[in-house]
Amino acid sequence: MAKYGKVAHAKVERALHEEKRGHLRSGRTGQKVTSREQAIAIGLSEARKTRAKVPPARRRRSSAKKR
């Protein structure tokens, strides 16, 4: 069974195309996206917002645990 659906594939493809053309911007800072990995992450994030078939995002680990 495929991990990603057609909608997710299309969103990632569009984000990569925009990144290659230099039009993709970060949502928070508005800076131009230059890395391929960041473009893929943006495409998957957009796919998750539309509830496409995408695995859940990986959990971030905190750098220092508070005691």
PDB file of N, CA and C in Angstrom:
ATOM      1  N   MET A   1       0.839  -1.178   0.000  1.00  0.00           N
ATOM      2  CA  MET A   1       0.000   0.000   0.000  1.00  0.00           C
ATOM      3  C   MET A   1       0.888   1.247   0.000  1.00  0.00           C
ATOM      4  N   ALA A   2       0.510   2.234  -0.783  1.00  0.00           N
ATOM      5  CA  ALA A   2       1.307   3.447  -0.894  1.00  0.00           C
ATOM      6  C   ALA A   2       1.212   4.280   0.378  1.00  0.00           C
ATOM      7  N   LYS A   3       2.322   4.924   0.730  1.00  0.00           N
ATOM      8  CA  LYS A   3       2.327   5.770   1.923  1.00  0.00           C
ATOM      9  C   LYS A   3       1.697   7.132   1.646  1.00  0.00           C
ATOM     10  N   TYR A   4       1.892   7.633   0.429  1.00  0.00           N
ATOM     11  CA  TYR A   4       1.405   8.959   0.078  1.00  0.00           C
ATOM     12  C   TYR A   4       0.352   8.858  -1.019  1.00  0.00           C
ATOM     13  N   GLY A   5      -0.671   9.705  -0.938  1.00  0.00           N
ATOM     14  CA  GLY A   5      -1.732   9.711  -1.931  1.00  0.00           C
ATOM     15  C   GLY A   5      -1.388  10.606  -3.113  1.00  0.00           C
ATOM     16  N   LYS A   6      -2.285  10.645  -4.082  1.00  0.00           N
ATOM     17  CA  LYS A   6      -2.072  11.439  -5.295  1.00  0.00           C
ATOM     18  C   LYS A   6      -2.051  12.931  -4.995  1.00  0.00           C
ATOM     19  N   VAL A   7      -2.907  13.363  -4.072  1.00  0.00           N
ATOM     20  CA  VAL A   7      -2.965  14.789  -3.723  1.00  0.00           C
ATOM     21  C   VAL A   7      -1.651  15.224  -3.083  1.00  0.00           C
ATOM     22  N   ALA A   8      -1.109  14.380  -2.191  1.00  0.00           N
ATOM     23  CA  ALA A   8       0.162  14.705  -1.540  1.00  0.00           C
ATOM     24  C   ALA A   8       1.278  14.773  -2.566  1.00  0.00           C
ATOM     25  N   HIS A   9       1.270  13.845  -3.511  1.00  0.00           N
ATOM     26  CA  HIS A   9       2.284  13.843  -4.565  1.00  0.00           C
ATOM     27  C   HIS A   9       2.222  15.136  -5.378  1.00  0.00           C
ATOM     28  N   ALA A  10       1.028  15.574  -5.699  1.00  0.00           N
ATOM     29  CA  ALA A  10       0.856  16.798  -6.485  1.00  0.00           C
ATOM     30  C   ALA A  10       1.324  18.025  -5.711  1.00  0.00           C
ATOM     31  N   LYS A  11       1.026  18.078  -4.409  1.00  0.00           N
ATOM     32  CA  LYS A  11       1.443  19.231  -3.593  1.00  0.00           C
ATOM     33  C   LYS A  11       2.969  19.318  -3.507  1.00  0.00           C
ATOM     34  N   VAL A  12       3.619  18.168  -3.303  1.00  0.00           N
ATOM     35  CA  VAL A  12       5.087  18.154  -3.205  1.00  0.00           C
ATOM     36  C   VAL A  12       5.692  18.518  -4.553  1.00  0.00           C
ATOM     37  N   GLU A  13       5.124  17.996  -5.626  1.00  0.00           N
ATOM     38  CA  GLU A  13       5.634  18.308  -6.961  1.00  0.00           C
ATOM     39  C   GLU A  13       5.532  19.804  -7.251  1.00  0.00           C
ATOM     40  N   ARG A  14       4.406  20.419  -6.855  1.00  0.00           N
ATOM     41  CA  ARG A  14       4.228  21.851  -7.076  1.00  0.00           C
ATOM     42  C   ARG A  14       5.231  22.670  -6.259  1.00  0.00           C
ATOM     43  N   ALA A  15       5.444  22.250  -5.005  1.00  0.00           N
ATOM     44  CA  ALA A  15       6.386  22.968  -4.145  1.00  0.00           C
ATOM     45  C   ALA A  15       7.811  22.868  -4.689  1.00  0.00           C
ATOM     46  N   LEU A  16       8.192  21.693  -5.180  1.00  0.00           N
ATOM     47  CA  LEU A  16       9.527  21.530  -5.758  1.00  0.00           C
ATOM     48  C   LEU A  16       9.688  22.373  -7.018  1.00  0.00           C
ATOM     49  N   HIS A  17       8.638  22.443  -7.815  1.00  0.00           N
ATOM     50  CA  HIS A  17       8.683  23.253  -9.035  1.00  0.00           C
ATOM     51  C   HIS A  17       8.857  24.731  -8.688  1.00  0.00           C
ATOM     52  N   GLU A  18       8.101  25.203  -7.700  1.00  0.00           N
ATOM     53  CA  GLU A  18       8.216  26.607  -7.290  1.00  0.00           C
ATOM     54  C   GLU A  18       9.593  26.897  -6.699  1.00  0.00           C
ATOM     55  N   GLU A  19      10.134  25.939  -5.939  1.00  0.00           N
ATOM     56  CA  GLU A  19      11.467  26.132  -5.342  1.00  0.00           C
ATOM     57  C   GLU A  19      12.529  26.229  -6.434  1.00  0.00           C
ATOM     58  N   LYS A  20      12.389  25.398  -7.452  1.00  0.00           N
ATOM     59  CA  LYS A  20      13.350  25.398  -8.554  1.00  0.00           C
ATOM     60  C   LYS A  20      13.296  26.720  -9.322  1.00  0.00           C
ATOM     61  N   ARG A  21      12.106  27.275  -9.471  1.00  0.00           N
ATOM     62  CA  ARG A  21      11.942  28.559 -10.170  1.00  0.00           C
ATOM     63  C   ARG A  21      12.312  29.758  -9.291  1.00  0.00           C
ATOM     64  N   GLY A  22      12.407  29.536  -7.967  1.00  0.00           N
ATOM     65  CA  GLY A  22      12.755  30.619  -7.060  1.00  0.00           C
ATOM     66  C   GLY A  22      11.565  31.388  -6.541  1.00  0.00           C
ATOM     67  N   HIS A  23      10.371  30.809  -6.626  1.00  0.00           N
ATOM     68  CA  HIS A  23       9.157  31.497  -6.188  1.00  0.00           C
ATOM     69  C   HIS A  23       8.633  31.027  -4.841  1.00  0.00           C
ATOM     70  N   LEU A  24       9.158  29.916  -4.318  1.00  0.00           N
ATOM     71  CA  LEU A  24       8.634  29.357  -3.075  1.00  0.00           C
ATOM     72  C   LEU A  24       9.168  30.156  -1.884  1.00  0.00           C
ATOM     73  N   ARG A  25       8.264  30.565  -1.008  1.00  0.00           N
ATOM     74  CA  ARG A  25       8.627  31.363   0.167  1.00  0.00           C
ATOM     75  C   ARG A  25       8.226  30.626   1.427  1.00  0.00           C
ATOM     76  N   SER A  26       8.969  30.858   2.490  1.00  0.00           N
ATOM     77  CA  SER A  26       8.649  30.287   3.792  1.00  0.00           C
ATOM     78  C   SER A  26       7.430  30.996   4.359  1.00  0.00           C
ATOM     79  N   GLY A  27       6.577  30.243   5.053  1.00  0.00           N
ATOM     80  CA  GLY A  27       5.343  30.822   5.575  1.00  0.00           C
ATOM     81  C   GLY A  27       5.558  31.778   6.721  1.00  0.00           C
ATOM     82  N   ARG A  28       6.502  31.485   7.592  1.00  0.00           N
ATOM     83  CA  ARG A  28       6.692  32.301   8.783  1.00  0.00           C
ATOM     84  C   ARG A  28       7.493  33.567   8.494  1.00  0.00           C
ATOM     85  N   THR A  29       8.665  33.425   7.880  1.00  0.00           N
ATOM     86  CA  THR A  29       9.538  34.578   7.683  1.00  0.00           C
ATOM     87  C   THR A  29       9.387  35.218   6.320  1.00  0.00           C
ATOM     88  N   GLY A  30       8.873  34.473   5.344  1.00  0.00           N
ATOM     89  CA  GLY A  30       8.731  35.014   4.002  1.00  0.00           C
ATOM     90  C   GLY A  30      10.007  34.972   3.195  1.00  0.00           C
ATOM     91  N   GLN A  31      11.040  34.292   3.727  1.00  0.00           N
ATOM     92  CA  GLN A  31      12.300  34.186   2.995  1.00  0.00           C
ATOM     93  C   GLN A  31      12.193  33.145   1.891  1.00  0.00           C
ATOM     94  N   LYS A  32      13.047  33.294   0.882  1.00  0.00           N
ATOM     95  CA  LYS A  32      13.048  32.361  -0.231  1.00  0.00           C
ATOM     96  C   LYS A  32      13.582  31.001   0.222  1.00  0.00           C
ATOM     97  N   VAL A  33      12.898  29.940  -0.180  1.00  0.00           N
ATOM     98  CA  VAL A  33      13.322  28.583   0.167  1.00  0.00           C
ATOM     99  C   VAL A  33      14.381  28.149  -0.828  1.00  0.00           C
ATOM    100  N   THR A  34      15.526  27.645  -0.330  1.00  0.00           N
ATOM    101  CA  THR A  34      16.621  27.253  -1.208  1.00  0.00           C
ATOM    102  C   THR A  34      16.923  25.766  -1.160  1.00  0.00           C
ATOM    103  N   SER A  35      16.459  25.060  -0.134  1.00  0.00           N
ATOM    104  CA  SER A  35      16.796  23.645  -0.027  1.00  0.00           C
ATOM    105  C   SER A  35      15.646  22.764  -0.514  1.00  0.00           C
ATOM    106  N   ARG A  36      16.011  21.660  -1.130  1.00  0.00           N
ATOM    107  CA  ARG A  36      15.040  20.702  -1.641  1.00  0.00           C
ATOM    108  C   ARG A  36      14.234  20.073  -0.510  1.00  0.00           C
ATOM    109  N   GLU A  37      14.914  19.754   0.598  1.00  0.00           N
ATOM    110  CA  GLU A  37      14.243  19.133   1.742  1.00  0.00           C
ATOM    111  C   GLU A  37      13.179  20.047   2.334  1.00  0.00           C
ATOM    112  N   GLN A  38      13.482  21.336   2.389  1.00  0.00           N
ATOM    113  CA  GLN A  38      12.521  22.289   2.932  1.00  0.00           C
ATOM    114  C   GLN A  38      11.305  22.414   2.010  1.00  0.00           C
ATOM    115  N   ALA A  39      11.529  22.348   0.696  1.00  0.00           N
ATOM    116  CA  ALA A  39      10.425  22.418  -0.251  1.00  0.00           C
ATOM    117  C   ALA A  39       9.517  21.195  -0.105  1.00  0.00           C
ATOM    118  N   ILE A  40      10.117  20.022   0.093  1.00  0.00           N
ATOM    119  CA  ILE A  40       9.326  18.803   0.290  1.00  0.00           C
ATOM    120  C   ILE A  40       8.510  18.911   1.568  1.00  0.00           C
ATOM    121  N   ALA A  41       9.120  19.441   2.628  1.00  0.00           N
ATOM    122  CA  ALA A  41       8.414  19.598   3.900  1.00  0.00           C
ATOM    123  C   ALA A  41       7.228  20.546   3.760  1.00  0.00           C
ATOM    124  N   ILE A  42       7.388  21.611   3.001  1.00  0.00           N
ATOM    125  CA  ILE A  42       6.293  22.561   2.782  1.00  0.00           C
ATOM    126  C   ILE A  42       5.167  21.893   2.010  1.00  0.00           C
ATOM    127  N   GLY A  43       5.510  21.115   0.970  1.00  0.00           N
ATOM    128  CA  GLY A  43       4.497  20.411   0.187  1.00  0.00           C
ATOM    129  C   GLY A  43       3.719  19.406   1.018  1.00  0.00           C
ATOM    130  N   LEU A  44       4.420  18.651   1.886  1.00  0.00           N
ATOM    131  CA  LEU A  44       3.744  17.678   2.745  1.00  0.00           C
ATOM    132  C   LEU A  44       2.870  18.373   3.777  1.00  0.00           C
ATOM    133  N   SER A  45       3.328  19.523   4.277  1.00  0.00           N
ATOM    134  CA  SER A  45       2.542  20.277   5.244  1.00  0.00           C
ATOM    135  C   SER A  45       1.233  20.765   4.612  1.00  0.00           C
ATOM    136  N   GLU A  46       1.315  21.249   3.374  1.00  0.00           N
ATOM    137  CA  GLU A  46       0.110  21.689   2.672  1.00  0.00           C
ATOM    138  C   GLU A  46      -0.833  20.509   2.422  1.00  0.00           C
ATOM    139  N   ALA A  47      -0.263  19.338   2.119  1.00  0.00           N
ATOM    140  CA  ALA A  47      -1.088  18.149   1.891  1.00  0.00           C
ATOM    141  C   ALA A  47      -1.798  17.729   3.181  1.00  0.00           C
ATOM    142  N   ARG A  48      -1.110  17.846   4.307  1.00  0.00           N
ATOM    143  CA  ARG A  48      -1.728  17.495   5.593  1.00  0.00           C
ATOM    144  C   ARG A  48      -2.882  18.440   5.910  1.00  0.00           C
ATOM    145  N   LYS A  49      -2.742  19.704   5.551  1.00  0.00           N
ATOM    146  CA  LYS A  49      -3.809  20.668   5.803  1.00  0.00           C
ATOM    147  C   LYS A  49      -5.066  20.337   5.011  1.00  0.00           C
ATOM    148  N   THR A  50      -4.908  19.731   3.828  1.00  0.00           N
ATOM    149  CA  THR A  50      -6.062  19.345   3.018  1.00  0.00           C
ATOM    150  C   THR A  50      -6.525  17.927   3.340  1.00  0.00           C
ATOM    151  N   ARG A  51      -5.941  17.334   4.390  1.00  0.00           N
ATOM    152  CA  ARG A  51      -6.283  15.984   4.855  1.00  0.00           C
ATOM    153  C   ARG A  51      -6.048  14.916   3.789  1.00  0.00           C
ATOM    154  N   ALA A  52      -4.954  15.072   3.037  1.00  0.00           N
ATOM    155  CA  ALA A  52      -4.581  14.066   2.048  1.00  0.00           C
ATOM    156  C   ALA A  52      -3.951  12.873   2.758  1.00  0.00           C
ATOM    157  N   LYS A  53      -3.749  11.790   2.019  1.00  0.00           N
ATOM    158  CA  LYS A  53      -3.165  10.586   2.612  1.00  0.00           C
ATOM    159  C   LYS A  53      -1.661  10.793   2.762  1.00  0.00           C
ATOM    160  N   VAL A  54      -1.252  11.166   3.981  1.00  0.00           N
ATOM    161  CA  VAL A  54       0.146  11.427   4.302  1.00  0.00           C
ATOM    162  C   VAL A  54       0.409  10.890   5.702  1.00  0.00           C
ATOM    163  N   PRO A  55       1.550  10.214   5.918  1.00  0.00           N
ATOM    164  CA  PRO A  55       1.861   9.770   7.276  1.00  0.00           C
ATOM    165  C   PRO A  55       2.004  10.972   8.209  1.00  0.00           C
ATOM    166  N   PRO A  56       1.771  10.780   9.510  1.00  0.00           N
ATOM    167  CA  PRO A  56       1.918  11.916  10.435  1.00  0.00           C
ATOM    168  C   PRO A  56       3.351  12.422  10.482  1.00  0.00           C
ATOM    169  N   ALA A  57       3.500  13.700  10.782  1.00  0.00           N
ATOM    170  CA  ALA A  57       4.826  14.304  10.861  1.00  0.00           C
ATOM    171  C   ALA A  57       5.599  13.726  12.035  1.00  0.00           C
ATOM    172  N   ARG A  58       6.935  13.676  11.894  1.00  0.00           N
ATOM    173  CA  ARG A  58       7.765  13.170  12.977  1.00  0.00           C
ATOM    174  C   ARG A  58       7.738  14.137  14.148  1.00  0.00           C
ATOM    175  N   ARG A  59       7.753  13.587  15.343  1.00  0.00           N
ATOM    176  CA  ARG A  59       7.760  14.414  16.556  1.00  0.00           C
ATOM    177  C   ARG A  59       9.159  14.969  16.775  1.00  0.00           C
ATOM    178  N   ARG A  60       9.241  16.216  17.170  1.00  0.00           N
ATOM    179  CA  ARG A  60      10.529  16.823  17.508  1.00  0.00           C
ATOM    180  C   ARG A  60      10.870  16.504  18.944  1.00  0.00           C
ATOM    181  N   ARG A  61      12.140  16.268  19.195  1.00  0.00           N
ATOM    182  CA  ARG A  61      12.590  16.018  20.557  1.00  0.00           C
ATOM    183  C   ARG A  61      13.084  17.332  21.150  1.00  0.00           C
ATOM    184  N   SER A  62      12.781  17.548  22.412  1.00  0.00           N
ATOM    185  CA  SER A  62      13.243  18.780  23.043  1.00  0.00           C
ATOM    186  C   SER A  62      14.742  18.681  23.274  1.00  0.00           C
ATOM    187  N   SER A  63      15.434  19.801  23.160  1.00  0.00           N
ATOM    188  CA  SER A  63      16.890  19.807  23.269  1.00  0.00           C
ATOM    189  C   SER A  63      17.349  19.591  24.707  1.00  0.00           C
ATOM    190  N   ALA A  64      16.612  20.105  25.649  1.00  0.00           N
ATOM    191  CA  ALA A  64      16.975  19.921  27.056  1.00  0.00           C
ATOM    192  C   ALA A  64      15.708  19.667  27.872  1.00  0.00           C
ATOM    193  N   LYS A  65      15.741  18.612  28.628  1.00  0.00           N
ATOM    194  CA  LYS A  65      14.570  18.313  29.449  1.00  0.00           C
ATOM    195  C   LYS A  65      14.580  19.155  30.719  1.00  0.00           C
ATOM    196  N   LYS A  66      13.446  19.669  31.073  1.00  0.00           N
ATOM    197  CA  LYS A  66      13.333  20.466  32.288  1.00  0.00           C
ATOM    198  C   LYS A  66      13.048  19.527  33.463  1.00  0.00           C
ATOM    199  N   ARG A  67      13.687  19.808  34.552  1.00  0.00           N
ATOM    200  CA  ARG A  67      13.493  18.963  35.743  1.00  0.00           C
ATOM    201  C   ARG A  67      12.756  19.707  36.810  1.00  0.00           C
TER     202      ARG A  67
END
